[in-house]
Amino acid sequence: MSDKVRVCIVGSGNWGSAIAKIVGANAKRLATFEDRVTMYVYEEMIDGKKLTEIINTTHENVKYLPGHKLPENVVSLDRLV
């Protein structure tokens, strides 16, 4: 069992996405945290694509925080459980 701290973010609006950008960068940099940061997203369709797929592919929340790249260690999921 790892002693590293795991971090998740519930929500992916502009506030959640901004936090994911900061937390993702810090988690990757600091040895006390797991690299992966999970961001739970309310699934929405944007131009025929799932928002989770867009975020995981482009590393950008094009709806709520356009123009700001999320770190590659931030992974979006649509189910909390």
C-alpha atoms as a PDB file:
ATOM      1  CA  MET A   1       0.000   0.000   0.000  1.00  0.00           C
ATOM      2  CA  SER A   2       1.301   3.405  -0.978  1.00  0.00           C
ATOM      3  CA  ASP A   3       1.811   6.079   1.652  1.00  0.00           C
ATOM      4  CA  LYS A   4       1.276   8.788  -0.934  1.00  0.00           C
ATOM      5  CA  VAL A   5      -1.768  11.021  -0.696  1.00  0.00           C
ATOM      6  CA  ARG A   6      -4.398  10.645  -3.418  1.00  0.00           C
ATOM      7  CA  VAL A   7      -6.310  13.726  -4.529  1.00  0.00           C
ATOM      8  CA  CYS A   8      -9.630  14.060  -6.325  1.00  0.00           C
ATOM      9  CA  ILE A   9     -11.748  17.020  -7.318  1.00  0.00           C
ATOM     10  CA  VAL A  10     -15.530  16.741  -7.362  1.00  0.00           C
ATOM     11  CA  GLY A  11     -16.779  19.070 -10.059  1.00  0.00           C
ATOM     12  CA  SER A  12     -15.325  20.476 -13.237  1.00  0.00           C
ATOM     13  CA  GLY A  13     -16.780  23.945 -13.583  1.00  0.00           C
ATOM     14  CA  ASN A  14     -14.464  26.923 -13.850  1.00  0.00           C
ATOM     15  CA  TRP A  15     -13.595  26.704 -10.139  1.00  0.00           C
ATOM     16  CA  GLY A  16     -12.987  22.919 -10.175  1.00  0.00           C
ATOM     17  CA  SER A  17     -10.945  23.145 -13.368  1.00  0.00           C
ATOM     18  CA  ALA A  18      -8.802  25.979 -11.990  1.00  0.00           C
ATOM     19  CA  ILE A  19      -8.139  23.936  -8.850  1.00  0.00           C
ATOM     20  CA  ALA A  20      -7.332  20.874 -11.001  1.00  0.00           C
ATOM     21  CA  LYS A  21      -4.718  22.894 -12.878  1.00  0.00           C
ATOM     22  CA  ILE A  22      -2.955  23.941  -9.661  1.00  0.00           C
ATOM     23  CA  VAL A  23      -3.361  20.660  -7.769  1.00  0.00           C
ATOM     24  CA  GLY A  24      -2.307  18.590 -10.800  1.00  0.00           C
ATOM     25  CA  ALA A  25       0.920  20.551 -11.184  1.00  0.00           C
ATOM     26  CA  ASN A  26       1.689  20.298  -7.466  1.00  0.00           C
ATOM     27  CA  ALA A  27       0.854  16.581  -7.257  1.00  0.00           C
ATOM     28  CA  LYS A  28       3.228  15.847 -10.115  1.00  0.00           C
ATOM     29  CA  ARG A  29       5.988  17.918  -8.528  1.00  0.00           C
ATOM     30  CA  LEU A  30       5.730  16.768  -4.905  1.00  0.00           C
ATOM     31  CA  ALA A  31       6.742  13.253  -3.863  1.00  0.00           C
ATOM     32  CA  THR A  32       4.145  13.057  -1.079  1.00  0.00           C
ATOM     33  CA  PHE A  33       1.264  12.885  -3.594  1.00  0.00           C
ATOM     34  CA  GLU A  34       0.189  10.300  -6.157  1.00  0.00           C
ATOM     35  CA  ASP A  35       0.817  11.660  -9.650  1.00  0.00           C
ATOM     36  CA  ARG A  36      -2.741  11.057 -10.862  1.00  0.00           C
ATOM     37  CA  VAL A  37      -5.415  13.581  -9.907  1.00  0.00           C
ATOM     38  CA  THR A  38      -8.986  12.532 -10.655  1.00  0.00           C
ATOM     39  CA  MET A  39     -11.545  15.187 -11.574  1.00  0.00           C
ATOM     40  CA  TYR A  40     -15.166  14.050 -11.452  1.00  0.00           C
ATOM     41  CA  VAL A  41     -17.164  15.629 -14.256  1.00  0.00           C
ATOM     42  CA  TYR A  42     -20.895  15.986 -14.845  1.00  0.00           C
ATOM     43  CA  GLU A  43     -21.048  14.484 -18.331  1.00  0.00           C
ATOM     44  CA  GLU A  44     -22.140  16.895 -21.032  1.00  0.00           C
ATOM     45  CA  MET A  45     -22.071  16.752 -24.809  1.00  0.00           C
ATOM     46  CA  ILE A  46     -20.043  19.478 -26.524  1.00  0.00           C
ATOM     47  CA  ASP A  47     -20.303  19.488 -30.331  1.00  0.00           C
ATOM     48  CA  GLY A  48     -21.227  15.794 -30.281  1.00  0.00           C
ATOM     49  CA  LYS A  49     -18.370  14.736 -27.983  1.00  0.00           C
ATOM     50  CA  LYS A  50     -18.391  13.862 -24.284  1.00  0.00           C
ATOM     51  CA  LEU A  51     -16.800  16.517 -22.100  1.00  0.00           C
ATOM     52  CA  THR A  52     -14.743  13.848 -20.297  1.00  0.00           C
ATOM     53  CA  GLU A  53     -13.282  12.670 -23.615  1.00  0.00           C
ATOM     54  CA  ILE A  54     -12.433  16.232 -24.631  1.00  0.00           C
ATOM     55  CA  ILE A  55     -10.706  16.926 -21.308  1.00  0.00           C
ATOM     56  CA  ASN A  56      -8.754  13.647 -21.370  1.00  0.00           C
ATOM     57  CA  THR A  57      -7.710  14.117 -25.006  1.00  0.00           C
ATOM     58  CA  THR A  58      -6.936  17.839 -25.183  1.00  0.00           C
ATOM     59  CA  HIS A  59      -6.272  18.459 -21.460  1.00  0.00           C
ATOM     60  CA  GLU A  60      -8.545  21.485 -21.622  1.00  0.00           C
ATOM     61  CA  ASN A  61     -12.035  22.090 -20.267  1.00  0.00           C
ATOM     62  CA  VAL A  62     -13.311  23.856 -23.368  1.00  0.00           C
ATOM     63  CA  LYS A  63     -16.658  24.734 -21.781  1.00  0.00           C
ATOM     64  CA  TYR A  64     -15.749  26.051 -18.337  1.00  0.00           C
ATOM     65  CA  LEU A  65     -12.072  27.057 -18.584  1.00  0.00           C
ATOM     66  CA  PRO A  66     -11.220  27.497 -22.268  1.00  0.00           C
ATOM     67  CA  GLY A  67      -7.688  28.486 -23.175  1.00  0.00           C
ATOM     68  CA  HIS A  68      -6.111  26.937 -20.076  1.00  0.00           C
ATOM     69  CA  LYS A  69      -4.381  23.568 -20.361  1.00  0.00           C
ATOM     70  CA  LEU A  70      -4.724  21.088 -17.520  1.00  0.00           C
ATOM     71  CA  PRO A  71      -1.711  18.976 -16.554  1.00  0.00           C
ATOM     72  CA  GLU A  72      -1.611  15.556 -18.220  1.00  0.00           C
ATOM     73  CA  ASN A  73      -1.872  13.830 -14.835  1.00  0.00           C
ATOM     74  CA  VAL A  74      -5.407  15.224 -14.372  1.00  0.00           C
ATOM     75  CA  VAL A  75      -7.854  12.544 -15.505  1.00  0.00           C
ATOM     76  CA  SER A  76     -11.572  13.229 -15.865  1.00  0.00           C
ATOM     77  CA  LEU A  77     -14.207  10.632 -14.990  1.00  0.00           C
ATOM     78  CA  ASP A  78     -17.974  10.896 -15.188  1.00  0.00           C
ATOM     79  CA  ARG A  79     -18.860   8.576 -12.295  1.00  0.00           C
ATOM     80  CA  LEU A  80     -18.095   9.254  -8.671  1.00  0.00           C
ATOM     81  CA  VAL A  81     -18.782   5.671  -7.567  1.00  0.00           C
END
